[in-house]
């Protein structure tokens, strides 16, 4: 089987003065696009074979930005700029000319990356593959597989599409510039503001899905989780205020929130692994080099397995049906009426009830309490925060204090998660009796947890901080 990677150059500046099309350089955004594609090119093994590029300035600079990013990522074993071959024949906008060039590749070229131009690349992709996308934006990449036969024997629609990726789905910072814009809710009443927020959260979650599936930038997964959880939190606030006011149930809302919770929970372990791997990159663990590499590879394999499972779920028809059902529910008259019954006084009553529950649990907490008790307190703080955020101006100072508390509890949660993954790793690699270095690291983590336990149990009750927040 042969592998063909087709990449369009990143975004270029418009021509000016006597500048020819061939001389157009990359724009600032184009340089960011090219750099964002370095990691996926590496992961897809697109750089391991022959690399060809048009000799135009914008394609050469695309190649240079990729090579520079690989160097920053400590990949000196890939001298991309030295291995790549510039070919003036690839400066073409004709798909048939590009196909003719492809048919003259040497037989030993089993893995080929071509950096070129549209419409030639897209025309070639469509000729080779029925599933080729309808568009190939600047900086985008296609991975096609071809039968193991000589290049001159290429047949129409004989290739299969393995993956396609745009820079905006590889980099969350690039995605943000094209993400759905939040509605202007400054003059909306409470019901209108909440409905507008829920609609925006839904649109944003759907827009994040391609980046989650691509799995290049973990920030996509984080923001996707945040949107699902915020949506659920607003829905739970509606339920809680409805119960508090005695106005009855909100039909079908509890069921919808349960599905949102399940979808968010499906991302939890993967998100924890992303955070753990990120921390290992910043602060090397106190392990021998060989053990560190083994740990990193083991965690990466677990993350890959979880990511594949998540992608499978997101591609299922029932997932799309659920998300559409949630949107339909938000727009239904019954839910709008439930939002209209919300009032700041009712929200404050539910908020006060939750704060009192938190303070009760905090007072009962001790340094020797099980980890789960601290996790439950963290969840309570999140529910309080989400409820307070329904009136962000009123609770501005309180939310700031709440964030500090949530960070402390989140750090404790992260340590517990790392311990669990480490135990699983050492059990798989070393058996029931881990090495001394493993025991020493786990003991150090326990010391960190103990310090956090002392800080958490020493926290003042939330009632004290909430009462200092001035009403507006």
Protein backbone atom coordinates (compact mmCIF):
# COMPACT_ATOMS: atom_id res chain seq x y z
CA UNK A 1 0.00 0.00 0.00
CA UNK A 2 1.21 3.50 -0.85
CA UNK A 3 0.54 6.64 1.17
CA UNK A 4 0.02 10.00 -0.52
CA UNK A 5 -0.24 13.23 1.48
CA UNK A 6 -1.52 16.32 -0.32
CA UNK A 7 -1.02 19.64 1.46
CA UNK A 8 -2.01 23.05 0.23
CA UNK A 9 0.36 25.89 1.07
CA UNK A 10 -0.60 28.09 4.02
CA UNK A 11 -2.31 31.44 3.58
CA UNK A 12 -0.26 33.92 1.54
CA UNK A 13 -0.28 37.69 1.26
CA UNK A 14 -1.93 39.36 -1.68
CA UNK A 15 0.38 40.43 -4.48
CA UNK A 16 1.42 44.07 -4.61
CA UNK A 17 3.43 46.28 -6.93
CA UNK A 18 5.64 44.29 -9.27
CA UNK A 19 5.35 41.11 -7.16
CA UNK A 20 4.43 38.04 -9.20
CA UNK A 21 2.13 35.29 -7.98
CA UNK A 22 5.19 33.05 -7.69
CA UNK A 23 6.79 35.51 -5.26
CA UNK A 24 3.88 35.93 -2.84
CA UNK A 25 5.08 35.19 0.74
CA UNK A 26 3.08 33.77 3.63
CA UNK A 27 0.99 36.08 5.75
CA UNK A 28 1.30 36.12 9.53
CA UNK A 29 -1.73 33.85 9.76
CA UNK A 30 -0.21 31.58 7.11
CA UNK A 31 2.91 31.09 9.20
CA UNK A 32 0.74 30.10 12.16
CA UNK A 33 -1.21 27.69 9.96
CA UNK A 34 1.93 25.98 8.71
CA UNK A 35 3.38 25.67 12.22
CA UNK A 36 0.12 24.15 13.46
CA UNK A 37 0.37 21.36 10.88
CA UNK A 38 3.83 20.18 11.99
CA UNK A 39 2.52 17.86 14.72
CA UNK A 40 -0.15 16.15 12.59
CA UNK A 41 2.33 15.72 9.74
CA UNK A 42 4.65 14.01 12.17
CA UNK A 43 1.90 11.86 13.73
CA UNK A 44 0.61 10.76 10.33
CA UNK A 45 4.19 9.83 9.36
CA UNK A 46 3.87 12.11 6.36
CA UNK A 47 7.47 13.29 6.74
CA UNK A 48 9.08 9.85 6.77
CA UNK A 49 9.08 9.37 3.02
CA UNK A 50 9.75 11.64 0.07
CA UNK A 51 8.78 15.30 0.46
CA UNK A 52 8.15 17.44 -2.61
CA UNK A 53 7.22 21.10 -2.76
CA UNK A 54 6.45 23.66 -5.39
CA UNK A 55 9.25 26.19 -5.73
CA UNK A 56 6.88 29.13 -5.18
CA UNK A 57 7.72 31.37 -2.23
CA UNK A 58 4.55 30.53 -0.30
CA UNK A 59 5.10 26.76 -0.55
CA UNK A 60 8.78 27.03 0.36
CA UNK A 61 7.89 29.18 3.38
CA UNK A 62 5.20 26.68 4.37
CA UNK A 63 7.88 24.00 4.36
CA UNK A 64 10.25 26.23 6.34
CA UNK A 65 7.65 26.96 9.02
CA UNK A 66 6.95 23.24 9.44
CA UNK A 67 10.66 22.48 9.68
CA UNK A 68 11.15 25.28 12.20
CA UNK A 69 8.31 24.00 14.36
CA UNK A 70 9.75 20.48 14.32
CA UNK A 71 13.05 21.89 15.52
CA UNK A 72 11.27 23.65 18.39
CA UNK A 73 9.64 20.35 19.25
CA UNK A 74 13.12 18.79 19.56
CA UNK A 75 12.93 16.71 16.39
CA UNK A 76 16.44 17.19 14.93
CA UNK A 77 16.29 13.68 13.45
CA UNK A 78 13.96 15.05 10.78
CA UNK A 79 16.09 17.48 8.68
CA UNK A 80 13.01 18.34 6.64
CA UNK A 81 14.34 21.42 4.89
CA UNK A 82 17.38 19.46 3.70
CA UNK A 83 15.46 16.39 2.53
CA UNK A 84 12.63 18.17 0.73
CA UNK A 85 12.86 18.55 -3.04
CA UNK A 86 11.68 21.74 -4.70
CA UNK A 87 10.15 21.09 -8.12
CA UNK A 88 9.03 23.87 -10.45
CA UNK A 89 6.60 21.42 -12.08
CA UNK A 90 4.55 21.51 -8.87
CA UNK A 91 3.89 25.20 -9.38
CA UNK A 92 0.75 24.35 -11.29
CA UNK A 93 -2.97 24.93 -10.92
CA UNK A 94 -3.94 22.11 -13.29
CA UNK A 95 -5.00 18.81 -11.74
CA UNK A 96 -4.16 16.81 -14.85
CA UNK A 97 -0.64 18.25 -14.93
CA UNK A 98 -0.24 17.24 -11.28
CA UNK A 99 -1.53 13.75 -12.06
CA UNK A 100 1.00 13.41 -14.86
CA UNK A 101 3.76 14.45 -12.45
CA UNK A 102 2.56 11.90 -9.91
CA UNK A 103 2.69 9.09 -12.46
CA UNK A 104 6.40 9.73 -12.96
CA UNK A 105 7.34 9.12 -9.32
CA UNK A 106 9.95 6.40 -8.73
CA UNK A 107 8.62 3.00 -7.79
CA UNK A 108 10.39 3.03 -4.42
CA UNK A 109 8.33 6.08 -3.33
CA UNK A 110 5.86 4.38 -0.99
CA UNK A 111 5.18 7.44 1.17
CA UNK A 112 4.98 10.85 -0.53
CA UNK A 113 4.11 14.34 0.70
CA UNK A 114 3.30 17.00 -1.91
CA UNK A 115 2.98 20.67 -0.91
CA UNK A 116 1.35 22.55 -3.74
CA UNK A 117 -1.52 24.70 -4.94
CA UNK A 118 -5.23 24.71 -5.55
CA UNK A 119 -7.21 23.97 -7.65
CA UNK A 120 -4.66 21.38 -8.84
CA UNK A 121 -4.46 19.53 -5.50
CA UNK A 122 -8.22 19.33 -5.05
CA UNK A 123 -8.78 18.24 -8.65
CA UNK A 124 -6.17 15.52 -8.22
CA UNK A 125 -7.72 14.37 -4.93
CA UNK A 126 -11.18 14.14 -6.49
CA UNK A 127 -9.81 12.17 -9.44
CA UNK A 128 -8.05 9.76 -7.11
CA UNK A 129 -10.74 9.39 -4.45
CA UNK A 130 -14.55 9.51 -4.40
CA UNK A 131 -14.55 10.60 -0.75
CA UNK A 132 -12.28 13.60 -1.29
CA UNK A 133 -13.66 16.76 0.38
CA UNK A 134 -15.35 19.53 -1.55
CA UNK A 135 -12.78 22.09 -0.44
CA UNK A 136 -9.13 22.24 0.57
CA UNK A 137 -8.52 25.46 2.54
CA UNK A 138 -5.05 26.94 2.89
CA UNK A 139 -2.74 24.82 5.00
CA UNK A 140 -5.03 21.78 4.84
CA UNK A 141 -3.82 18.20 4.52
CA UNK A 142 -5.25 15.04 2.96
CA UNK A 143 -4.01 11.50 3.60
CA UNK A 144 -4.82 9.03 0.81
CA UNK A 145 -3.88 5.38 0.49
CA UNK A 146 -3.27 3.80 -2.90
CA UNK A 147 -2.95 0.21 -4.11
CA UNK A 148 0.55 -1.22 -4.07
CA UNK A 149 1.16 -0.87 -7.79
CA UNK A 150 3.43 1.30 -9.96
CA UNK A 151 2.63 5.01 -10.02
CA UNK A 152 1.98 5.02 -13.79
CA UNK A 153 -0.85 2.54 -13.17
CA UNK A 154 -2.89 4.97 -11.06
CA UNK A 155 -6.62 4.57 -11.67
CA UNK A 156 -9.47 7.00 -11.22
CA UNK A 157 -11.11 6.63 -7.80
CA UNK A 158 -8.59 3.97 -6.85
CA UNK A 159 -7.54 5.72 -3.64
CA UNK A 160 -9.13 5.81 -0.19
CA UNK A 161 -9.34 8.84 2.08
CA UNK A 162 -7.81 8.11 5.48
CA UNK A 163 -7.90 11.56 7.06
CA UNK A 164 -8.37 15.21 6.21
CA UNK A 165 -7.37 18.11 8.43
CA UNK A 166 -7.47 21.89 8.35
CA UNK A 167 -5.18 24.09 10.47
CA UNK A 168 -8.26 25.39 12.28
CA UNK A 169 -9.02 21.86 13.48
CA UNK A 170 -5.39 21.26 14.44
CA UNK A 171 -4.96 24.44 16.51
CA UNK A 172 -7.57 25.80 18.92
CA UNK A 173 -6.05 29.28 18.75
CA UNK A 174 -6.64 29.30 14.99
CA UNK A 175 -10.12 27.85 15.45
CA UNK A 176 -11.12 30.69 17.79
CA UNK A 177 -10.98 33.25 15.01
CA UNK A 178 -13.66 31.35 13.08
CA UNK A 179 -15.63 29.96 16.01
CA UNK A 180 -19.32 30.84 16.34
CA UNK A 181 -19.57 34.34 17.75
CA UNK A 182 -21.46 34.73 21.04
CA UNK A 183 -24.76 36.62 20.77
CA UNK A 184 -25.05 40.16 22.09
CA UNK A 185 -27.12 39.65 25.24
CA UNK A 186 -26.39 42.89 27.04
CA UNK A 187 -29.99 44.12 26.75
CA UNK A 188 -31.65 40.73 27.17
CA UNK A 189 -33.64 39.81 30.26
CA UNK A 190 -32.62 36.80 32.37
CA UNK A 191 -34.64 34.30 30.32
CA UNK A 192 -33.35 35.66 27.02
CA UNK A 193 -29.80 35.72 28.27
CA UNK A 194 -29.90 32.10 29.44
CA UNK A 195 -31.55 30.92 26.23
CA UNK A 196 -28.94 32.78 24.19
CA UNK A 197 -26.12 31.28 26.24
CA UNK A 198 -27.46 27.74 25.86
CA UNK A 199 -27.86 28.14 22.12
CA UNK A 200 -24.32 29.46 21.80
CA UNK A 201 -22.89 26.67 23.95
CA UNK A 202 -24.60 24.12 21.72
CA UNK A 203 -23.32 25.69 18.50
CA UNK A 204 -19.81 25.95 19.92
CA UNK A 205 -19.78 22.32 21.09
CA UNK A 206 -20.76 21.16 17.61
CA UNK A 207 -18.12 23.40 16.02
CA UNK A 208 -15.45 21.96 18.35
CA UNK A 209 -16.19 18.34 17.39
CA UNK A 210 -13.86 18.18 14.33
CA UNK A 211 -10.97 19.42 16.48
CA UNK A 212 -11.82 16.87 19.17
CA UNK A 213 -11.82 14.11 16.55
CA UNK A 214 -8.54 15.35 15.06
CA UNK A 215 -6.97 15.02 18.51
CA UNK A 216 -4.00 17.29 17.80
CA UNK A 217 -4.67 20.12 20.26
CA UNK A 218 -6.11 18.95 23.64
CA UNK A 219 -7.70 22.37 24.15
CA UNK A 220 -10.51 21.31 21.79
CA UNK A 221 -11.45 18.49 24.15
CA UNK A 222 -11.23 20.78 27.19
CA UNK A 223 -13.49 23.43 25.66
CA UNK A 224 -15.91 20.79 24.39
CA UNK A 225 -16.23 19.45 27.95
CA UNK A 226 -16.69 22.95 29.32
CA UNK A 227 -19.54 23.67 26.91
CA UNK A 228 -21.36 20.45 27.75
CA UNK A 229 -20.93 21.00 31.49
CA UNK A 230 -22.01 24.64 31.38
CA UNK A 231 -25.10 23.65 29.41
CA UNK A 232 -25.92 21.02 31.99
CA UNK A 233 -25.30 23.48 34.84
CA UNK A 234 -27.74 26.02 33.43
CA UNK A 235 -30.30 23.27 32.90
CA UNK A 236 -29.84 22.07 36.49
CA UNK A 237 -30.33 25.64 37.71
CA UNK A 238 -33.64 25.76 35.88
CA UNK A 239 -34.69 22.48 37.51
CA UNK A 240 -33.55 23.58 40.96
CA UNK A 241 -35.36 26.93 40.83
CA UNK A 242 -38.48 25.26 39.49
CA UNK A 243 -38.49 22.92 42.50
CA UNK A 244 -37.73 25.74 44.92
CA UNK A 245 -40.56 27.88 43.61
CA UNK A 246 -43.02 25.01 43.54
CA UNK A 247 -43.76 25.62 39.86
CA UNK A 248 -43.37 21.93 39.08
CA UNK A 249 -41.21 19.96 36.72
CA UNK A 250 -39.78 20.93 33.35
CA UNK A 251 -40.83 18.01 31.09
CA UNK A 252 -37.98 16.05 29.49
CA UNK A 253 -35.25 18.36 30.84
CA UNK A 254 -33.93 15.87 33.39
CA UNK A 255 -33.56 13.22 30.68
CA UNK A 256 -31.72 15.63 28.37
CA UNK A 257 -29.37 16.66 31.17
CA UNK A 258 -28.60 13.03 31.93
CA UNK A 259 -27.45 12.51 28.34
CA UNK A 260 -25.29 15.66 28.48
CA UNK A 261 -23.72 14.35 31.68
CA UNK A 262 -22.96 10.99 30.07
CA UNK A 263 -21.39 12.66 27.04
CA UNK A 264 -19.20 14.84 29.25
CA UNK A 265 -18.19 11.88 31.41
CA UNK A 266 -17.07 10.03 28.27
CA UNK A 267 -14.29 12.63 27.96
CA UNK A 268 -13.12 12.60 31.59
CA UNK A 269 -10.35 9.99 31.50
CA UNK A 270 -8.96 11.33 28.23
CA UNK A 271 -8.87 14.86 29.59
CA UNK A 272 -7.10 13.64 32.75
CA UNK A 273 -4.49 11.88 30.62
CA UNK A 274 -3.93 15.01 28.53
CA UNK A 275 -3.31 17.04 31.69
CA UNK A 276 -0.97 14.39 33.08
CA UNK A 277 1.04 14.15 29.86
CA UNK A 278 1.27 17.93 29.69
CA UNK A 279 2.60 18.07 33.24
CA UNK A 280 5.22 15.40 32.47
CA UNK A 281 6.47 17.53 29.58
CA UNK A 282 6.85 20.58 31.82
CA UNK A 283 8.31 18.87 34.89
CA UNK A 284 10.13 15.57 34.24
CA UNK A 285 9.14 12.97 36.85
CA UNK A 286 11.73 11.62 39.35
CA UNK A 287 12.30 8.44 37.37
CA UNK A 288 15.16 6.97 35.37
CA UNK A 289 15.18 8.00 31.71
CA UNK A 290 14.10 4.56 30.53
CA UNK A 291 11.20 4.45 32.98
CA UNK A 292 10.15 7.97 32.02
CA UNK A 293 10.00 7.00 28.35
CA UNK A 294 8.08 3.84 29.17
CA UNK A 295 5.60 5.81 31.28
CA UNK A 296 5.13 8.43 28.57
CA UNK A 297 4.59 5.80 25.88
CA UNK A 298 2.18 3.83 28.07
CA UNK A 299 0.11 6.92 28.89
CA UNK A 300 0.13 7.97 25.23
CA UNK A 301 -1.13 4.53 24.21
CA UNK A 302 -3.95 4.75 26.78
CA UNK A 303 -4.82 8.23 25.52
CA UNK A 304 -4.87 6.96 21.94
CA UNK A 305 -7.23 4.14 22.89
CA UNK A 306 -9.58 6.50 24.71
CA UNK A 307 -9.47 8.99 21.86
CA UNK A 308 -10.40 6.32 19.33
CA UNK A 309 -13.30 5.25 21.53
CA UNK A 310 -14.50 8.84 21.86
CA UNK A 311 -14.23 9.44 18.12
CA UNK A 312 -16.28 6.32 17.48
CA UNK A 313 -19.01 7.68 19.77
CA UNK A 314 -19.00 11.12 18.15
CA UNK A 315 -19.39 9.60 14.69
CA UNK A 316 -22.41 7.49 15.62
CA UNK A 317 -25.84 8.56 14.30
CA UNK A 318 -27.33 8.48 17.79
CA UNK A 319 -24.89 11.18 18.92
CA UNK A 320 -25.98 13.53 16.15
CA UNK A 321 -29.60 12.72 16.96
CA UNK A 322 -29.06 13.53 20.64
CA UNK A 323 -27.41 16.85 19.91
CA UNK A 324 -30.16 17.81 17.50
CA UNK A 325 -32.79 16.76 20.06
CA UNK A 326 -31.10 19.03 22.62
CA UNK A 327 -31.25 21.95 20.19
CA UNK A 328 -34.91 21.24 19.45
CA UNK A 329 -35.64 21.10 23.18
CA UNK A 330 -33.97 24.46 23.76
CA UNK A 331 -36.14 26.06 21.09
CA UNK A 332 -39.38 24.44 22.29
CA UNK A 333 -42.05 26.65 23.84
CA UNK A 334 -42.14 24.64 27.06
CA UNK A 335 -38.51 25.28 27.89
CA UNK A 336 -38.78 28.96 27.01
CA UNK A 337 -41.70 29.21 29.42
CA UNK A 338 -39.62 27.52 32.13
CA UNK A 339 -36.86 30.09 31.58
CA UNK A 340 -39.39 32.90 31.78
CA UNK A 341 -40.38 31.72 35.28
CA UNK A 342 -36.80 32.18 36.50
CA UNK A 343 -36.16 35.22 38.66
CA UNK A 344 -33.02 36.50 40.40
CA UNK A 345 -34.63 36.00 43.81
CA UNK A 346 -35.27 32.32 43.07
CA UNK A 347 -31.72 31.83 41.84
CA UNK A 348 -30.39 33.48 45.00
CA UNK A 349 -32.48 31.14 47.15
CA UNK A 350 -31.09 28.05 45.41
CA UNK A 351 -27.58 29.51 45.56
CA UNK A 352 -27.89 30.11 49.30
CA UNK A 353 -29.10 26.54 49.75
CA UNK A 354 -26.10 25.16 47.87
CA UNK A 355 -23.67 27.38 49.77
CA UNK A 356 -25.11 26.15 53.07
CA UNK A 357 -24.70 22.54 51.90
CA UNK A 358 -21.10 23.21 50.92
CA UNK A 359 -20.30 24.79 54.28
CA UNK A 360 -21.82 21.83 56.10
CA UNK A 361 -19.68 19.38 54.11
CA UNK A 362 -16.57 21.53 54.57
CA UNK A 363 -17.06 21.65 58.35
CA UNK A 364 -17.36 17.86 58.45
CA UNK A 365 -14.19 17.42 56.41
CA UNK A 366 -10.95 16.34 58.11
CA UNK A 367 -7.40 15.69 56.95
CA UNK A 368 -8.10 11.96 57.27
CA UNK A 369 -11.29 12.02 55.19
CA UNK A 370 -11.33 9.77 52.09
CA UNK A 371 -10.36 11.31 48.77
CA UNK A 372 -13.96 10.99 47.55
CA UNK A 373 -15.12 13.50 50.18
CA UNK A 374 -12.78 16.11 48.71
CA UNK A 375 -13.96 15.26 45.20
CA UNK A 376 -17.58 15.73 46.27
CA UNK A 377 -16.70 19.14 47.68
CA UNK A 378 -15.08 20.09 44.36
CA UNK A 379 -18.26 19.11 42.50
CA UNK A 380 -20.33 21.17 44.92
CA UNK A 381 -18.11 24.21 44.30
CA UNK A 382 -18.55 23.78 40.54
CA UNK A 383 -22.32 23.65 40.88
CA UNK A 384 -22.26 26.79 43.03
CA UNK A 385 -20.03 28.58 40.54
CA UNK A 386 -22.20 27.72 37.57
CA UNK A 387 -25.26 28.98 39.43
CA UNK A 388 -23.54 32.20 40.50
CA UNK A 389 -22.48 32.78 36.89
CA UNK A 390 -26.13 33.18 35.96
CA UNK A 391 -25.78 36.62 37.58
CA UNK A 392 -22.10 37.39 36.89
CA UNK A 393 -22.24 41.12 37.69
CA UNK A 394 -23.88 40.57 41.04
CA UNK A 395 -21.39 37.87 42.07
CA UNK A 396 -18.22 39.21 40.46
CA UNK A 397 -16.10 39.19 43.63
CA UNK A 398 -17.65 35.99 44.93
CA UNK A 399 -16.82 34.21 41.67
CA UNK A 400 -13.21 35.31 42.00
CA UNK A 401 -12.96 33.76 45.48
CA UNK A 402 -14.80 30.69 44.25
CA UNK A 403 -12.34 30.20 41.41
CA UNK A 404 -9.42 30.12 43.85
CA UNK A 405 -11.20 27.46 45.90
CA UNK A 406 -12.01 25.42 42.82
CA UNK A 407 -8.37 25.58 41.67
CA UNK A 408 -7.22 24.19 45.03
CA UNK A 409 -9.70 21.32 44.86
CA UNK A 410 -8.85 20.74 41.21
CA UNK A 411 -5.17 20.39 42.07
CA UNK A 412 -6.09 17.75 44.62
CA UNK A 413 -8.18 15.94 42.03
CA UNK A 414 -5.28 15.98 39.56
CA UNK A 415 -2.93 14.42 42.12
CA UNK A 416 -5.43 11.63 42.81
CA UNK A 417 -5.83 11.00 39.09
CA UNK A 418 -2.07 10.83 38.58
CA UNK A 419 -1.76 8.35 41.43
CA UNK A 420 -4.40 6.12 39.84
CA UNK A 421 -2.71 6.15 36.43
CA UNK A 422 0.71 5.55 38.00
CA UNK A 423 -0.58 2.57 39.93
CA UNK A 424 -2.02 1.14 36.72
CA UNK A 425 1.25 1.73 34.85
CA UNK A 426 3.51 0.19 37.49
CA UNK A 427 1.16 -2.76 37.89
CA UNK A 428 1.33 -3.37 34.13
CA UNK A 429 5.10 -2.88 33.89
CA UNK A 430 6.47 -4.05 37.25
CA UNK A 431 3.83 -6.34 38.68
CA UNK A 432 2.38 -6.06 42.18
CA UNK A 433 5.66 -4.79 43.72
CA UNK A 434 6.76 -1.52 42.02
CA UNK A 435 10.35 -0.38 41.90
CA UNK A 436 11.82 1.81 44.63
CA UNK A 437 11.74 4.91 42.41
CA UNK A 438 8.03 4.36 41.81
CA UNK A 439 7.31 4.03 45.51
CA UNK A 440 9.32 7.19 46.21
CA UNK A 441 7.35 9.19 43.63
CA UNK A 442 4.00 7.93 44.95
CA UNK A 443 5.10 8.89 48.47
CA UNK A 444 5.96 12.39 47.23
CA UNK A 445 2.52 12.70 45.66
CA UNK A 446 0.95 11.68 48.97
CA UNK A 447 2.90 14.46 50.68
CA UNK A 448 1.54 16.97 48.16
CA UNK A 449 -1.97 15.66 48.74
CA UNK A 450 -1.54 16.02 52.50
CA UNK A 451 -0.48 19.65 52.11
CA UNK A 452 -3.53 20.34 49.96
CA UNK A 453 -5.79 18.58 52.46
CA UNK A 454 -4.55 20.96 55.15
CA UNK A 455 -5.18 24.00 52.96
CA UNK A 456 -8.66 22.81 51.98
CA UNK A 457 -9.81 21.97 55.50
CA UNK A 458 -8.56 25.39 56.65
CA UNK A 459 -10.73 27.24 54.11
CA UNK A 460 -13.35 29.61 55.55
CA UNK A 461 -17.03 28.84 54.92
CA UNK A 462 -18.44 30.21 51.68
CA UNK A 463 -21.14 32.03 53.58
CA UNK A 464 -18.50 34.42 54.87
CA UNK A 465 -17.21 35.30 51.40
CA UNK A 466 -20.67 35.39 49.79
CA UNK A 467 -21.87 37.89 52.38
CA UNK A 468 -19.05 40.27 51.40
CA UNK A 469 -20.24 40.44 47.81
CA UNK A 470 -22.10 43.70 47.27
CA UNK A 471 -25.43 43.59 45.46
CA UNK A 472 -25.63 45.53 42.22
